[in-house]
Protein backbone atom coordinates (compact mmCIF):
# COMPACT_ATOMS: atom_id res chain seq x y z
CA UNK A 1 26.73 -17.16 8.28
CA UNK A 2 23.32 -15.78 9.25
CA UNK A 3 24.20 -12.37 7.81
CA UNK A 4 25.45 -14.01 4.61
CA UNK A 5 22.24 -16.03 4.27
CA UNK A 6 20.10 -12.94 4.82
CA UNK A 7 22.14 -11.00 2.23
CA UNK A 8 21.76 -13.76 -0.36
CA UNK A 9 18.02 -13.87 0.33
CA UNK A 10 17.81 -10.09 -0.14
CA UNK A 11 19.76 -10.26 -3.42
CA UNK A 12 17.49 -13.05 -4.62
CA UNK A 13 14.49 -10.85 -3.83
CA UNK A 14 15.99 -7.91 -5.73
CA UNK A 15 16.69 -10.11 -8.74
CA UNK A 16 13.19 -11.60 -8.92
CA UNK A 17 11.02 -8.80 -7.51
CA UNK A 18 9.15 -8.25 -10.78
CA UNK A 19 8.82 -11.86 -11.94
CA UNK A 20 5.30 -12.88 -12.93
CA UNK A 21 3.71 -16.05 -11.53
CA UNK A 22 3.87 -19.08 -13.81
CA UNK A 23 1.12 -19.70 -16.35
CA UNK A 24 -0.07 -22.76 -14.47
CA UNK A 25 -0.35 -20.73 -11.25
CA UNK A 26 -2.37 -17.98 -12.94
CA UNK A 27 -4.62 -20.45 -14.76
CA UNK A 28 -5.32 -22.40 -11.58
CA UNK A 29 -6.12 -19.18 -9.72
CA UNK A 30 -8.53 -18.16 -12.48
CA UNK A 31 -10.23 -21.54 -12.18
CA UNK A 32 -10.54 -21.15 -8.41
CA UNK A 33 -12.36 -17.85 -8.75
CA UNK A 34 -14.56 -18.89 -11.66
CA UNK A 35 -15.57 -22.25 -10.18
CA UNK A 36 -15.79 -21.47 -6.47
CA UNK A 37 -16.68 -17.79 -5.95
CA UNK A 38 -20.05 -18.78 -4.47
CA UNK A 39 -18.86 -21.87 -2.62
CA UNK A 40 -16.14 -20.03 -0.71
CA UNK A 41 -18.73 -17.55 0.60
CA UNK A 42 -21.09 -20.39 1.50
CA UNK A 43 -18.25 -22.13 3.32
CA UNK A 44 -17.51 -18.96 5.29
CA UNK A 45 -21.21 -18.76 6.12
CA UNK A 46 -21.10 -22.23 7.66
CA UNK A 47 -17.85 -21.60 9.54
CA UNK A 48 -18.91 -18.38 11.28
CA UNK A 49 -22.02 -20.12 12.62
CA UNK A 50 -19.83 -21.91 15.16
CA UNK A 51 -19.26 -19.73 18.25
CA UNK A 52 -15.64 -20.74 18.78
CA UNK A 53 -14.90 -18.23 21.53
CA UNK A 54 -12.80 -19.64 24.37
CA UNK A 55 -14.83 -20.93 27.32
CA UNK A 56 -12.97 -20.15 30.58
CA UNK A 57 -11.85 -23.33 32.31
CA UNK A 58 -12.64 -25.55 29.32
CA UNK A 59 -9.63 -26.90 27.34
CA UNK A 60 -9.79 -26.10 23.64
CA UNK A 61 -10.17 -29.77 22.70
CA UNK A 62 -13.27 -30.09 24.94
CA UNK A 63 -15.05 -26.91 23.85
CA UNK A 64 -18.33 -28.11 22.31
CA UNK A 65 -18.32 -25.45 19.61
CA UNK A 66 -14.73 -26.28 18.68
CA UNK A 67 -15.65 -29.94 18.40
CA UNK A 68 -18.59 -29.11 16.15
CA UNK A 69 -16.45 -26.80 14.01
CA UNK A 70 -13.83 -29.49 13.59
CA UNK A 71 -16.59 -31.91 12.60
CA UNK A 72 -17.60 -29.54 9.83
CA UNK A 73 -13.99 -29.28 8.63
CA UNK A 74 -13.65 -33.06 8.63
CA UNK A 75 -16.76 -33.46 6.50
CA UNK A 76 -15.56 -30.74 4.13
CA UNK A 77 -12.13 -32.31 3.81
CA UNK A 78 -13.70 -35.63 2.87
CA UNK A 79 -16.12 -34.00 0.40
CA UNK A 80 -13.33 -32.05 -1.29
CA UNK A 81 -11.00 -35.05 -1.47
CA UNK A 82 -8.43 -34.23 1.23
CA UNK A 83 -7.07 -36.20 4.16
CA UNK A 84 -7.79 -35.06 7.71
CA UNK A 85 -6.17 -35.54 11.10
CA UNK A 86 -7.35 -34.28 14.49
CA UNK A 87 -4.91 -33.82 17.37
CA UNK A 88 -7.36 -32.13 19.73
CA UNK A 89 -6.56 -28.44 19.45
CA UNK A 90 -4.93 -28.78 16.03
CA UNK A 91 -6.40 -30.21 12.85
CA UNK A 92 -4.49 -30.74 9.61
CA UNK A 93 -6.14 -30.97 6.21
CA UNK A 94 -3.74 -32.34 3.62
CA UNK A 95 -3.44 -32.81 -0.12
CA UNK A 96 -0.74 -34.58 -2.06
CA UNK A 97 2.36 -36.49 -1.11
CA UNK A 98 6.02 -35.76 -0.77
CA UNK A 99 8.77 -35.52 1.81
CA UNK A 100 8.74 -31.77 1.49
CA UNK A 101 5.62 -29.91 2.60
CA UNK A 102 4.11 -26.45 2.34
CA UNK A 103 2.08 -25.35 5.35
CA UNK A 104 -0.88 -22.98 5.50
CA UNK A 105 -1.31 -21.82 9.10
CA UNK A 106 -4.70 -20.51 10.30
CA UNK A 107 -6.88 -20.57 13.40
CA UNK A 108 -10.52 -21.47 13.99
CA UNK A 109 -11.16 -19.76 17.33
CA UNK A 110 -12.46 -16.19 17.50
CA UNK A 111 -12.48 -13.29 19.92
CA UNK A 112 -15.43 -12.48 22.22
CA UNK A 113 -18.25 -10.40 20.76
CA UNK A 114 -20.94 -8.02 22.02
CA UNK A 115 -23.95 -9.20 20.03
CA UNK A 116 -25.93 -6.06 20.89
CA UNK A 117 -23.64 -4.02 18.63
CA UNK A 118 -24.41 -6.02 15.48
CA UNK A 119 -27.31 -5.51 13.07
CA UNK A 120 -27.66 -9.29 12.80
CA UNK A 121 -26.18 -12.14 14.80
CA UNK A 122 -22.37 -12.00 14.72
CA UNK A 123 -22.46 -15.76 14.23
CA UNK A 124 -24.46 -15.58 11.02
CA UNK A 125 -22.87 -14.25 7.86
CA UNK A 126 -24.59 -10.95 7.12
CA UNK A 127 -24.51 -10.42 3.34
CA UNK A 128 -27.20 -7.75 3.11
CA UNK A 129 -26.88 -5.04 5.77
CA UNK A 130 -23.97 -3.35 4.00
CA UNK A 131 -23.69 -4.32 0.32
CA UNK A 132 -20.27 -5.63 -0.61
CA UNK A 133 -19.38 -6.57 2.97
CA UNK A 134 -19.52 -10.01 4.56
CA UNK A 135 -20.03 -9.31 8.26
CA UNK A 136 -19.51 -11.85 11.05
CA UNK A 137 -17.16 -12.63 13.91
CA UNK A 138 -14.29 -14.46 12.22
CA UNK A 139 -14.99 -13.18 8.71
CA UNK A 140 -11.51 -11.66 8.51
CA UNK A 141 -9.90 -13.25 11.58
CA UNK A 142 -9.59 -16.08 10.71
CA UNK A 143 -12.36 -18.14 9.11
CA UNK A 144 -12.34 -16.26 5.82
CA UNK A 145 -8.75 -17.40 5.24
CA UNK A 146 -9.65 -21.01 6.10
CA UNK A 147 -12.45 -21.03 3.52
CA UNK A 148 -10.24 -19.54 0.82
CA UNK A 149 -7.37 -21.93 1.57
CA UNK A 150 -9.71 -24.93 1.26
CA UNK A 151 -10.92 -23.85 -2.17
CA UNK A 152 -7.43 -22.92 -3.31
CA UNK A 153 -6.45 -26.50 -2.56
CA UNK A 154 -9.58 -27.76 -4.32
CA UNK A 155 -8.73 -25.78 -7.46
CA UNK A 156 -5.23 -27.26 -7.48
CA UNK A 157 -6.73 -30.73 -7.15
CA UNK A 158 -9.25 -30.05 -9.95
CA UNK A 159 -6.54 -28.97 -12.37
CA UNK A 160 -4.31 -31.90 -11.44
CA UNK A 161 -1.36 -29.56 -10.97
CA UNK A 162 1.78 -31.70 -10.69
CA UNK A 163 3.06 -31.12 -7.17
CA UNK A 164 6.46 -32.00 -5.78
CA UNK A 165 5.40 -31.04 -2.24
CA UNK A 166 2.45 -31.88 -0.04
CA UNK A 167 0.14 -29.05 1.04
CA UNK A 168 -1.06 -29.02 4.64
CA UNK A 169 -3.68 -26.63 6.06
CA UNK A 170 -3.28 -26.20 9.83
CA UNK A 171 -6.28 -24.97 11.84
CA UNK A 172 -5.44 -24.22 15.47
CA UNK A 173 -8.32 -23.80 17.91
CA UNK A 174 -6.79 -21.57 20.63
CA UNK A 175 -4.70 -18.91 18.87
CA UNK A 176 -6.60 -16.06 20.51
CA UNK A 177 -6.16 -17.33 24.06
CA UNK A 178 -3.44 -19.94 24.63
CA UNK A 179 -0.52 -20.95 22.42
CA UNK A 180 0.54 -23.73 24.78
CA UNK A 181 -1.30 -26.61 23.07
CA UNK A 182 0.18 -25.67 19.68
CA UNK A 183 3.67 -25.46 21.15
CA UNK A 184 3.16 -28.91 22.69
CA UNK A 185 1.87 -30.29 19.38
CA UNK A 186 4.91 -29.04 17.47
CA UNK A 187 7.23 -30.81 19.90
CA UNK A 188 5.91 -34.18 18.71
CA UNK A 189 4.97 -33.34 15.10
CA UNK A 190 7.44 -32.18 12.48
CA UNK A 191 6.12 -29.00 10.85
CA UNK A 192 6.43 -28.22 7.11
CA UNK A 193 9.70 -26.87 5.82
CA UNK A 194 7.99 -23.69 4.57
CA UNK A 195 4.68 -22.14 5.65
CA UNK A 196 2.48 -19.13 5.09
CA UNK A 197 0.26 -17.82 7.88
CA UNK A 198 -3.06 -16.30 6.80
CA UNK A 199 -3.66 -14.09 9.81
CA UNK A 200 -2.21 -10.62 9.24
CA UNK A 201 -1.56 -8.36 6.26
CA UNK A 202 -0.10 -8.14 2.79
CA UNK A 203 2.32 -7.90 1.07
CA UNK A 204 4.24 -10.23 3.43
CA UNK A 205 4.88 -9.90 7.15
CA UNK A 206 8.42 -10.68 8.26
CA UNK A 207 8.33 -8.94 11.65
CA UNK A 208 5.86 -8.70 14.52
CA UNK A 209 5.97 -6.53 17.61
CA UNK A 210 5.97 -8.16 21.02
CA UNK A 211 2.62 -8.36 22.83
CA UNK A 212 2.70 -6.85 26.29
CA UNK A 213 0.37 -6.06 29.16
CA UNK A 214 0.93 -3.57 31.96
CA UNK A 215 -1.67 -3.75 34.75
CA UNK A 216 -2.35 -1.07 37.34
CA UNK A 217 -4.44 -1.86 40.43
CA UNK A 218 -5.79 0.77 42.84
CA UNK A 219 -7.22 -0.60 46.14
CA UNK A 220 -10.72 0.57 47.15
CA UNK A 221 -10.73 3.94 48.87
CA UNK A 222 -13.20 6.65 49.77
CA UNK A 223 -12.01 9.95 51.24
CA UNK A 224 -13.90 12.78 49.55
CA UNK A 225 -14.53 16.09 51.30
CA UNK A 226 -18.21 16.62 52.07
CA UNK A 227 -20.09 18.48 49.39
CA UNK A 228 -17.50 17.89 46.65
CA UNK A 229 -18.38 16.06 43.40
CA UNK A 230 -17.35 12.39 43.63
CA UNK A 231 -16.16 10.23 40.74
CA UNK A 232 -17.86 7.14 42.11
CA UNK A 233 -16.94 4.72 39.32
CA UNK A 234 -15.00 4.58 36.06
CA UNK A 235 -15.02 1.39 33.97
CA UNK A 236 -14.69 0.37 30.33
CA UNK A 237 -13.42 -2.04 27.72
CA UNK A 238 -14.23 -5.61 26.76
CA UNK A 239 -11.05 -7.67 26.28
CA UNK A 240 -7.30 -7.09 26.15
CA UNK A 241 -6.86 -7.36 22.38
CA UNK A 242 -9.54 -4.80 21.52
CA UNK A 243 -9.38 -1.02 21.56
CA UNK A 244 -12.32 -0.24 23.88
CA UNK A 245 -15.46 1.16 22.31
CA UNK A 246 -17.28 1.77 25.61
CA UNK A 247 -16.50 3.44 28.93
CA UNK A 248 -18.76 4.68 31.73
CA UNK A 249 -18.29 7.15 34.58
CA UNK A 250 -20.70 7.78 37.45
CA UNK A 251 -20.42 11.07 39.33
CA UNK A 252 -22.19 11.79 42.61
CA UNK A 253 -23.06 15.36 43.60
CA UNK A 254 -22.59 16.47 39.99
CA UNK A 255 -23.61 20.09 39.48
CA UNK A 256 -25.18 21.29 36.21
CA UNK A 257 -22.08 23.43 35.65
CA UNK A 258 -19.80 20.39 35.96
CA UNK A 259 -21.97 18.44 33.54
CA UNK A 260 -21.80 21.26 31.02
CA UNK A 261 -18.00 21.39 31.27
CA UNK A 262 -17.72 17.64 30.60
CA UNK A 263 -20.16 17.92 27.70
CA UNK A 264 -18.16 20.71 26.12
CA UNK A 265 -14.81 18.94 26.50
CA UNK A 266 -16.23 15.71 25.10
CA UNK A 267 -17.84 17.51 22.18
CA UNK A 268 -14.43 18.82 21.14
CA UNK A 269 -13.07 15.29 20.66
CA UNK A 270 -13.03 13.60 17.26
CA UNK A 271 -14.85 10.31 16.75
CA UNK A 272 -16.56 10.18 20.16
CA UNK A 273 -20.21 10.13 21.15
CA UNK A 274 -21.39 10.81 24.70
CA UNK A 275 -24.71 10.29 26.45
CA UNK A 276 -25.59 11.84 29.82
CA UNK A 277 -28.21 10.55 32.25
CA UNK A 278 -29.08 12.25 35.52
CA UNK A 279 -30.88 10.89 38.58
CA UNK A 280 -30.97 13.69 41.10
CA UNK A 281 -27.37 14.66 41.76
CA UNK A 282 -26.00 11.44 40.21
CA UNK A 283 -24.69 11.82 36.66
CA UNK A 284 -23.86 8.85 34.44
CA UNK A 285 -21.63 9.58 31.47
CA UNK A 286 -21.41 6.92 28.75
CA UNK A 287 -18.67 7.23 26.17
CA UNK A 288 -18.73 5.44 22.83
CA UNK A 289 -15.67 5.31 20.62
CA UNK A 290 -14.70 2.85 17.88
CA UNK A 291 -13.41 -0.66 18.59
CA UNK A 292 -10.38 -1.99 16.73
CA UNK A 293 -7.66 -4.62 16.98
CA UNK A 294 -5.35 -3.46 19.77
CA UNK A 295 -2.34 -3.95 17.50
CA UNK A 296 -3.70 -1.07 15.39
CA UNK A 297 -4.96 1.53 17.86
CA UNK A 298 -4.92 4.12 15.09
CA UNK A 299 -7.92 2.32 13.55
CA UNK A 300 -10.05 2.87 16.66
CA UNK A 301 -11.11 5.61 19.05
CA UNK A 302 -10.28 4.65 22.63
CA UNK A 303 -13.29 5.27 24.87
CA UNK A 304 -11.32 4.85 28.14
CA UNK A 305 -8.67 7.38 27.17
CA UNK A 306 -11.18 9.81 25.73
CA UNK A 307 -13.51 9.65 28.73
CA UNK A 308 -10.59 10.30 31.09
CA UNK A 309 -9.77 13.34 28.97
CA UNK A 310 -13.38 14.55 29.05
CA UNK A 311 -13.42 14.21 32.84
CA UNK A 312 -10.26 16.31 33.21
CA UNK A 313 -12.25 19.49 33.78
CA UNK A 314 -11.37 19.47 37.47
CA UNK A 315 -9.08 17.57 39.85
CA UNK A 316 -10.55 14.27 41.08
CA UNK A 317 -9.59 12.72 44.38
CA UNK A 318 -10.64 10.41 47.16
CA UNK A 319 -11.81 7.33 45.23
CA UNK A 320 -10.14 4.57 43.24
CA UNK A 321 -12.03 5.80 40.16
CA UNK A 322 -10.63 9.29 40.73
CA UNK A 323 -7.10 7.92 40.97
CA UNK A 324 -7.58 5.92 37.77
CA UNK A 325 -9.06 8.77 35.77
CA UNK A 326 -6.15 10.98 36.83
CA UNK A 327 -3.61 8.29 35.98
CA UNK A 328 -5.03 7.72 32.50
CA UNK A 329 -5.08 11.44 31.81
CA UNK A 330 -1.62 12.13 33.25
CA UNK A 331 0.44 9.16 31.99
CA UNK A 332 -1.49 7.86 28.96
CA UNK A 333 -3.50 10.74 27.57
CA UNK A 334 -5.21 10.30 24.21
CA UNK A 335 -2.02 9.51 22.27
CA UNK A 336 -1.04 6.11 20.94
CA UNK A 337 2.65 5.77 21.73
CA UNK A 338 3.18 6.32 25.46
CA UNK A 339 4.75 9.74 25.02
CA UNK A 340 3.49 10.95 28.42
CA UNK A 341 4.59 7.82 30.30
CA UNK A 342 8.08 8.85 31.39
CA UNK A 343 10.73 7.57 29.01
CA UNK A 344 8.94 4.47 27.69
CA UNK A 345 8.22 5.70 24.14
CA UNK A 346 10.52 4.48 21.35
CA UNK A 347 10.44 3.20 17.78
CA UNK A 348 12.33 1.00 15.34
CA UNK A 349 12.97 2.08 11.75
CA UNK A 350 11.39 -1.08 10.31
CA UNK A 351 8.97 -2.24 13.01
CA UNK A 352 7.69 1.23 13.86
CA UNK A 353 6.74 2.71 17.25
CA UNK A 354 5.60 0.96 20.39
CA UNK A 355 1.86 1.44 20.86
CA UNK A 356 0.38 1.87 24.34
CA UNK A 357 -3.39 1.56 24.81
CA UNK A 358 -5.66 1.25 27.87
CA UNK A 359 -7.96 -1.64 27.01
CA UNK A 360 -9.89 -2.91 30.06
CA UNK A 361 -10.83 -1.03 33.23
CA UNK A 362 -12.87 -3.03 35.74
CA UNK A 363 -13.54 -3.65 39.41
CA UNK A 364 -11.83 -6.71 40.92
CA UNK A 365 -11.47 -8.17 44.41
CA UNK A 366 -8.13 -6.36 44.75
CA UNK A 367 -9.54 -3.03 43.57
CA UNK A 368 -10.01 -1.11 40.35
CA UNK A 369 -7.75 -2.61 37.69
CA UNK A 370 -6.58 -1.15 34.39
CA UNK A 371 -4.96 -3.28 31.69
CA UNK A 372 -2.73 -1.45 29.21
CA UNK A 373 -1.91 -3.29 25.99
CA UNK A 374 1.55 -2.79 24.46
CA UNK A 375 2.90 -3.75 21.07
CA UNK A 376 6.65 -3.21 21.27
CA UNK A 377 9.33 -3.31 18.55
CA UNK A 378 12.95 -4.27 18.91
CA UNK A 379 15.23 -1.65 20.39
CA UNK A 380 14.82 -2.10 24.15
CA UNK A 381 15.15 -5.15 26.36
CA UNK A 382 12.14 -6.23 28.36
CA UNK A 383 13.95 -5.44 31.60
CA UNK A 384 14.86 -1.95 30.40
CA UNK A 385 11.32 -1.18 29.29
CA UNK A 386 9.73 -2.55 32.44
CA UNK A 387 12.14 -0.46 34.51
CA UNK A 388 11.07 2.66 32.64
CA UNK A 389 7.39 1.91 33.19
CA UNK A 390 7.97 1.35 36.89
CA UNK A 391 10.08 4.48 37.30
CA UNK A 392 7.40 6.69 35.76
CA UNK A 393 4.63 4.95 37.70
CA UNK A 394 6.46 5.13 41.03
CA UNK A 395 7.13 8.82 40.56
CA UNK A 396 3.50 9.49 39.70
CA UNK A 397 1.89 7.45 42.48
CA UNK A 398 4.01 8.83 45.36
CA UNK A 399 1.65 11.68 46.15
CA UNK A 400 -1.50 10.33 44.51
CA UNK A 401 -1.93 6.63 45.27
CA UNK A 402 0.88 5.11 47.38
CA UNK A 403 -0.90 1.77 47.62
CA UNK A 404 -1.37 1.34 43.87
CA UNK A 405 0.56 -1.52 42.28
CA UNK A 406 1.85 -2.25 38.80
CA UNK A 407 2.53 -5.61 37.10
CA UNK A 408 4.05 -6.13 33.68
CA UNK A 409 4.30 -8.93 31.12
CA UNK A 410 6.39 -8.02 28.08
CA UNK A 411 6.53 -10.40 25.13
CA UNK A 412 9.42 -10.36 22.70
CA UNK A 413 9.37 -8.84 19.21
CA UNK A 414 9.94 -11.28 16.36
CA UNK A 415 11.80 -10.92 13.06
CA UNK A 416 12.39 -13.40 10.22
CA UNK A 417 14.76 -12.04 7.60
CA UNK A 418 15.60 -15.09 5.48
CA UNK A 419 12.36 -16.98 4.69
CA UNK A 420 12.95 -18.40 1.19
CA UNK A 421 9.34 -17.96 0.00
CA UNK A 422 9.25 -14.17 0.39
CA UNK A 423 10.13 -13.40 -3.28
CA UNK A 424 7.33 -15.70 -4.48
CA UNK A 425 4.79 -14.07 -2.18
CA UNK A 426 5.78 -10.58 -3.30
CA UNK A 427 5.65 -11.60 -6.98
CA UNK A 428 2.12 -12.95 -6.60
CA UNK A 429 0.95 -9.94 -4.60
CA UNK A 430 2.36 -7.51 -7.18
CA UNK A 431 0.83 -9.45 -10.07
CA UNK A 432 -2.69 -9.39 -8.62
CA UNK A 433 -2.68 -5.89 -7.12
CA UNK A 434 -0.52 -3.93 -9.52
CA UNK A 435 1.58 -2.68 -6.61
CA UNK A 436 5.07 -2.97 -8.05
CA UNK A 437 7.19 -1.73 -5.17
CA UNK A 438 5.84 -4.23 -2.64
CA UNK A 439 8.27 -5.06 0.16
CA UNK A 440 8.06 -6.98 3.44
CA UNK A 441 6.36 -5.20 6.33
CA UNK A 442 6.12 -5.38 10.11
CA UNK A 443 2.85 -5.51 12.08
CA UNK A 444 1.79 -4.99 15.67
CA UNK A 445 -0.09 -8.27 15.97
CA UNK A 446 1.38 -11.62 16.90
CA UNK A 447 0.68 -14.73 14.79
CA UNK A 448 1.57 -18.39 14.92
CA UNK A 449 4.26 -17.71 12.29
CA UNK A 450 6.59 -17.50 15.28
CA UNK A 451 6.16 -21.20 16.03
CA UNK A 452 6.73 -22.64 12.55
CA UNK A 453 10.07 -22.76 10.70
CA UNK A 454 10.31 -20.45 7.67
CA UNK A 455 6.80 -19.10 8.24
CA UNK A 456 5.69 -15.58 7.31
CA UNK A 457 2.23 -14.03 7.07
CA UNK A 458 0.48 -13.41 3.76
CA UNK A 459 -2.80 -11.50 4.17
CA UNK A 460 -5.74 -11.41 4.46
CA UNK A 461 -5.72 -7.63 5.11
CA UNK A 462 -4.64 -5.17 2.43
CA UNK A 463 -2.01 -2.51 3.21
CA UNK A 464 -3.60 0.75 4.24
CA UNK A 465 -7.02 -0.82 4.88
CA UNK A 466 -8.62 -0.97 8.32
CA UNK A 467 -8.15 -4.43 9.81
CA UNK A 468 -11.53 -5.30 11.33
CA UNK A 469 -10.68 -8.45 13.27
CA UNK A 470 -11.37 -8.07 17.03
CA UNK A 471 -13.73 -5.14 16.35
CA UNK A 472 -17.51 -5.02 16.75
CA UNK A 473 -17.80 -4.43 13.02
CA UNK A 474 -15.74 -7.31 11.66
CA UNK A 475 -16.07 -8.02 7.98
CA UNK A 476 -14.28 -8.95 4.82
CA UNK A 477 -15.38 -7.55 1.49
CA UNK A 478 -16.55 -9.98 -1.16
CA UNK A 479 -13.98 -8.45 -3.49
CA UNK A 480 -11.15 -9.07 -1.04
CA UNK A 481 -12.27 -12.61 -0.25
CA UNK A 482 -12.14 -13.55 -3.95
CA UNK A 483 -8.85 -11.72 -4.51
CA UNK A 484 -7.42 -13.69 -1.59
CA UNK A 485 -8.70 -16.89 -3.19
CA UNK A 486 -6.76 -16.14 -6.37
CA UNK A 487 -3.58 -15.10 -4.58
CA UNK A 488 -3.60 -18.08 -2.18
CA UNK A 489 -4.14 -20.46 -5.09
CA UNK A 490 -1.30 -18.98 -7.12
CA UNK A 491 1.06 -18.98 -4.15
CA UNK A 492 0.38 -22.60 -3.26
CA UNK A 493 0.95 -23.66 -6.84
CA UNK A 494 4.26 -21.78 -6.97
CA UNK A 495 5.48 -23.13 -3.65
CA UNK A 496 4.40 -26.75 -4.12
CA UNK A 497 4.84 -27.46 -7.85
């Protein structure tokens, strides 16, 4: 039956792939852009001012910034003529009535940020530093989508579009850190029959890779022959869902010749910048790459991987940093897909390859710890993949670091083949972009689409464009924000009328 349903859905898509949105949908979308192009930017400006980063140990419903952000949403809902409900970590902004409902799934929390890397405060919408860009933490992930959804609903209300279904905008306050409260909420609240999630890419996302984390820990050790250069420390990265932009190595007893070798190897890399500081025989090497969302490592330049490569001008031994630099070079390298890590690499024809990226390297009470972020497609079971990681690791560590340990958490890939709204989403996308061969896609990121029935992602990122969420240069272009406003408005009209 499932195969039959999926086939019928596919045939329906083929039959309607080039259908234009209805006149009322297009007219309402035009009204949204004409009437609210300034207001949607102003709304985004207000939203990014709330620093809704998770506070360790503080539940999402008690986070002061979350509470303030929800207060702003409540006031906006009232001003725009919508109803509002607050369940702690989940707020719902609704318009219309009807037993059937269309959901718009978003999130109001954001990833951590290094404010020193921004020209202005990351919690103030920067409209001037780079003309055409709206820069702020959350501009693309995911406050821009909230602002556009609100004004899409407002345009529908203005035009008095006759709706058969109620529209509900869900804003979850812990998507970046803990899905538990949303899972608990959905056990006691019936979700909409159909939803779109505004937290990924166009044209429409029907598959997501599984999020995984492999952690390597090397206990403290110090056994370096006298007179030899010592890799005293090696650290880098910021958080597990970001390709690391920074990494630092400190070398004791570093000779000028060794420094020159590292300089030359680093200079041969693409996209990297190195600085060298010397105090006597101590050499500090700082590597700067390009941060990116860890689901798209190809959009970044991984400072941890690149620094390990630059250091590979001689064998390193005797310290936990030496072990880690050797491990990264030997089993990860500067590739994206785990090709050097035994037999772990694989790909799926639709979902693409597994990506494997070192993301955080830091000292802990147990020793030096490296977190490796995975985004894995279907094609291997979790047990099979974990076994392959362990086999390669065990073989490598035997003669290099017998006391090193490895832990793995492997999330499951997700696929939704029969969501009934997919043809509508593709029609609207094709109409507004001119891309006529648009088809569903898979992404490396994980969204809350997984938790809602018949939910698939629809934007806000364009295919082929760099997704800037989670980076230290997050933005959305003004052009894209307003295009999203039109497409979201048209889609909601088509799904709810």
